[in-house]
Amino acid sequence: NSLSFYEKRKIIFEYLTNNLTYDYKLLEQIRNVNIKIARNPIQELNSVIDSEKGICNAISQYYKLLLEVVGIKSYCVICDDGTEVNHQLSLVYDSDNNSYSFDDITSVIVGRGTKEDYFDYDLQFASSVNQGNKNIMNDQSFVVLPEDYINYLVNRKISLSETLERLPENI
């Protein structure tokens, strides 16, 4: 309770960037037009939690879940970042400054940049790394995933106690 929201957020970001790996095999399966794989977002989220391996959508959803456990409001957003598939990252509310900024754990994990680059960055930096430069739906650069969707994934398959057990002890 003595930590600020920002400090809690940074601890979770550091923990995930240090402990998660990217699932390149799943990405290749998704990109392969000759193979039609059935996507299962619940299974993908469980994979990140259980095996500490996943792709951007499940990684950002897990981050959202952990942030909300410690009282930090966040959203999962989708954008076109110039890769072959859309990218999902996090938009996080800073209650101290009444503002939002981006966090992108996946970009750190895959080596696009440093933790300093992809933690607590603004729209100008997002634009400089091609995030949100193209419209992906109804003339929108970023699409926010509905809260109900994330809650469905979390509430149906992942218990809060399991999530709390995985948090770093210093939060």
Protein backbone atom coordinates (compact mmCIF):
# COMPACT_ATOMS: atom_id res chain seq x y z
CA ASN A 1 0.00 0.00 0.00
CA SER A 2 2.95 2.34 0.42
CA LEU A 3 3.81 2.21 -3.28
CA SER A 4 2.33 4.67 -5.77
CA PHE A 5 0.31 3.41 -8.73
CA TYR A 6 3.26 4.32 -10.95
CA GLU A 7 5.68 2.26 -8.83
CA LYS A 8 3.31 -0.74 -8.83
CA ARG A 9 2.89 -0.43 -12.58
CA LYS A 10 6.64 -0.31 -13.13
CA ILE A 11 7.22 -3.38 -10.93
CA ILE A 12 4.64 -5.39 -12.89
CA PHE A 13 6.05 -4.18 -16.22
CA GLU A 14 9.60 -5.12 -15.14
CA TYR A 15 8.45 -8.49 -13.84
CA LEU A 16 6.67 -9.41 -17.07
CA THR A 17 9.42 -8.17 -19.39
CA ASN A 18 11.95 -10.18 -17.39
CA ASN A 19 9.91 -13.37 -17.16
CA LEU A 20 7.84 -13.73 -20.34
CA THR A 21 9.01 -14.97 -23.72
CA TYR A 22 7.46 -14.50 -27.11
CA ASP A 23 5.76 -17.44 -28.84
CA TYR A 24 7.24 -17.16 -32.33
CA LYS A 25 5.83 -20.56 -33.28
CA LEU A 26 2.26 -19.41 -32.65
CA LEU A 27 2.90 -16.19 -34.57
CA GLU A 28 4.18 -18.15 -37.57
CA GLN A 29 1.10 -20.35 -37.47
CA ILE A 30 -1.13 -17.27 -37.43
CA ARG A 31 0.77 -15.66 -40.31
CA ASN A 32 0.80 -18.83 -42.45
CA VAL A 33 -2.05 -18.46 -44.93
CA ASN A 34 -1.80 -22.14 -45.89
CA ILE A 35 -2.64 -23.30 -42.38
CA LYS A 36 -5.90 -22.24 -40.79
CA ILE A 37 -5.40 -22.52 -37.05
CA ALA A 38 -8.28 -22.10 -34.65
CA ARG A 39 -7.47 -19.22 -32.34
CA ASN A 40 -8.46 -19.64 -28.71
CA PRO A 41 -7.90 -16.41 -26.75
CA ILE A 42 -8.59 -18.11 -23.41
CA GLN A 43 -6.00 -20.79 -24.16
CA GLU A 44 -3.52 -18.11 -25.31
CA LEU A 45 -4.01 -16.16 -22.07
CA ASN A 46 -3.65 -19.33 -20.00
CA SER A 47 -0.44 -20.10 -21.87
CA VAL A 48 1.07 -16.79 -20.84
CA ILE A 49 0.12 -17.40 -17.22
CA ASP A 50 1.11 -21.07 -17.09
CA SER A 51 4.14 -21.26 -19.38
CA GLU A 52 5.18 -17.57 -19.39
CA LYS A 53 5.08 -17.59 -23.19
CA GLY A 54 2.68 -15.88 -25.57
CA ILE A 55 1.98 -13.30 -28.25
CA CYS A 56 1.03 -9.66 -27.88
CA ASN A 57 -2.71 -10.08 -27.32
CA ALA A 58 -2.39 -12.47 -24.39
CA ILE A 59 0.60 -10.61 -22.96
CA SER A 60 -1.24 -7.28 -22.90
CA GLN A 61 -4.35 -8.93 -21.46
CA TYR A 62 -2.32 -10.53 -18.68
CA TYR A 63 -0.71 -7.15 -17.96
CA LYS A 64 -4.16 -5.56 -17.76
CA LEU A 65 -5.30 -8.22 -15.33
CA LEU A 66 -2.29 -7.72 -13.06
CA LEU A 67 -2.65 -3.93 -13.15
CA GLU A 68 -6.29 -4.10 -12.19
CA VAL A 69 -5.55 -6.48 -9.30
CA VAL A 70 -3.52 -3.63 -7.74
CA GLY A 71 -6.13 -0.99 -8.63
CA ILE A 72 -4.70 0.47 -11.84
CA LYS A 73 -7.12 1.12 -14.70
CA SER A 74 -5.94 0.02 -18.12
CA TYR A 75 -7.17 -0.92 -21.57
CA CYS A 76 -5.95 -3.34 -24.20
CA VAL A 77 -5.69 -1.57 -27.54
CA ILE A 78 -5.09 -2.87 -31.03
CA CYS A 79 -3.18 -0.97 -33.70
CA ASP A 80 -1.40 -1.53 -36.97
CA ASP A 81 2.32 -1.25 -36.27
CA GLY A 82 3.50 -2.11 -39.76
CA THR A 83 3.88 -5.84 -39.18
CA GLU A 84 1.86 -8.49 -40.98
CA VAL A 85 -0.66 -8.81 -38.14
CA ASN A 86 -2.20 -6.17 -35.90
CA HIS A 87 -0.49 -5.47 -32.59
CA GLN A 88 -2.00 -5.29 -29.11
CA LEU A 89 -0.56 -3.15 -26.34
CA SER A 90 -1.76 -1.38 -23.20
CA LEU A 91 -3.16 2.06 -22.51
CA VAL A 92 -2.77 2.79 -18.79
CA TYR A 93 -4.46 5.46 -16.68
CA ASP A 94 -2.30 7.52 -14.33
CA SER A 95 -4.66 8.72 -11.60
CA ASP A 96 -2.02 11.05 -10.13
CA ASN A 97 -1.80 13.07 -13.37
CA ASN A 98 -5.27 12.27 -14.76
CA SER A 99 -3.69 11.11 -18.02
CA TYR A 100 -3.09 8.02 -20.14
CA SER A 101 0.09 6.58 -21.58
CA PHE A 102 1.13 3.42 -23.40
CA ASP A 103 3.03 0.37 -22.18
CA ASP A 104 4.17 -2.30 -24.63
CA ILE A 105 5.69 -5.35 -22.95
CA THR A 106 5.83 -7.32 -26.21
CA SER A 107 8.07 -4.79 -27.95
CA VAL A 108 10.58 -5.11 -25.12
CA ILE A 109 10.43 -8.93 -25.13
CA VAL A 110 11.04 -9.18 -28.89
CA GLY A 111 13.86 -6.63 -28.75
CA ARG A 112 12.28 -3.71 -30.65
CA GLY A 113 13.48 -1.40 -27.93
CA THR A 114 14.32 -1.02 -24.27
CA LYS A 115 12.12 -0.99 -21.18
CA GLU A 116 12.70 2.74 -21.01
CA ASP A 117 11.39 3.12 -24.58
CA TYR A 118 8.22 1.10 -24.18
CA PHE A 119 7.11 1.95 -20.64
CA ASP A 120 4.94 5.01 -20.01
CA TYR A 121 5.27 6.54 -23.46
CA ASP A 122 3.10 9.06 -25.24
CA LEU A 123 1.25 9.20 -28.55
CA GLN A 124 4.15 11.01 -30.23
CA PHE A 125 6.53 8.14 -29.46
CA ALA A 126 3.84 5.60 -30.46
CA SER A 127 3.58 7.33 -33.81
CA SER A 128 7.37 7.33 -34.23
CA VAL A 129 7.39 3.52 -33.93
CA ASN A 130 4.46 3.16 -36.36
CA GLN A 131 1.85 2.41 -33.71
CA GLY A 132 -1.48 3.85 -34.70
CA ASN A 133 -0.27 5.41 -37.96
CA LYS A 134 -2.86 3.53 -40.00
CA ASN A 135 -6.60 3.22 -39.56
CA ILE A 136 -7.58 -0.31 -38.71
CA MET A 137 -11.33 0.00 -38.14
CA ASN A 138 -13.85 2.71 -38.92
CA ASP A 139 -11.16 5.37 -39.35
CA GLN A 140 -9.66 4.60 -35.94
CA SER A 141 -5.93 4.31 -35.37
CA PHE A 142 -6.32 2.43 -32.09
CA VAL A 143 -9.19 0.12 -31.19
CA VAL A 144 -9.89 -0.47 -27.52
CA LEU A 145 -10.94 -4.01 -26.67
CA PRO A 146 -14.24 -4.10 -24.77
CA GLU A 147 -13.87 -4.59 -21.03
CA ASP A 148 -16.45 -7.37 -21.16
CA TYR A 149 -14.23 -9.37 -23.50
CA ILE A 150 -11.27 -9.28 -21.13
CA ASN A 151 -13.51 -10.02 -18.16
CA TYR A 152 -14.94 -13.00 -20.03
CA LEU A 153 -11.45 -14.39 -20.60
CA VAL A 154 -10.40 -13.80 -17.02
CA ASN A 155 -13.53 -14.70 -15.10
CA ARG A 156 -14.25 -17.91 -16.92
CA LYS A 157 -10.86 -19.54 -16.89
CA ILE A 158 -8.44 -17.82 -14.53
CA SER A 159 -9.13 -17.44 -10.84
CA LEU A 160 -8.14 -14.30 -8.98
CA SER A 161 -6.28 -16.37 -6.39
CA GLU A 162 -4.14 -17.97 -9.12
CA THR A 163 -3.37 -14.52 -10.49
CA LEU A 164 -2.45 -13.14 -7.07
CA GLU A 165 -0.11 -16.07 -6.44
CA ARG A 166 1.88 -15.08 -9.52
CA LEU A 167 2.42 -11.43 -8.56
CA PRO A 168 5.87 -10.36 -7.42
CA GLU A 169 6.01 -10.24 -3.63
CA ASN A 170 7.04 -6.59 -3.51
CA ILE A 171 3.76 -5.24 -4.93
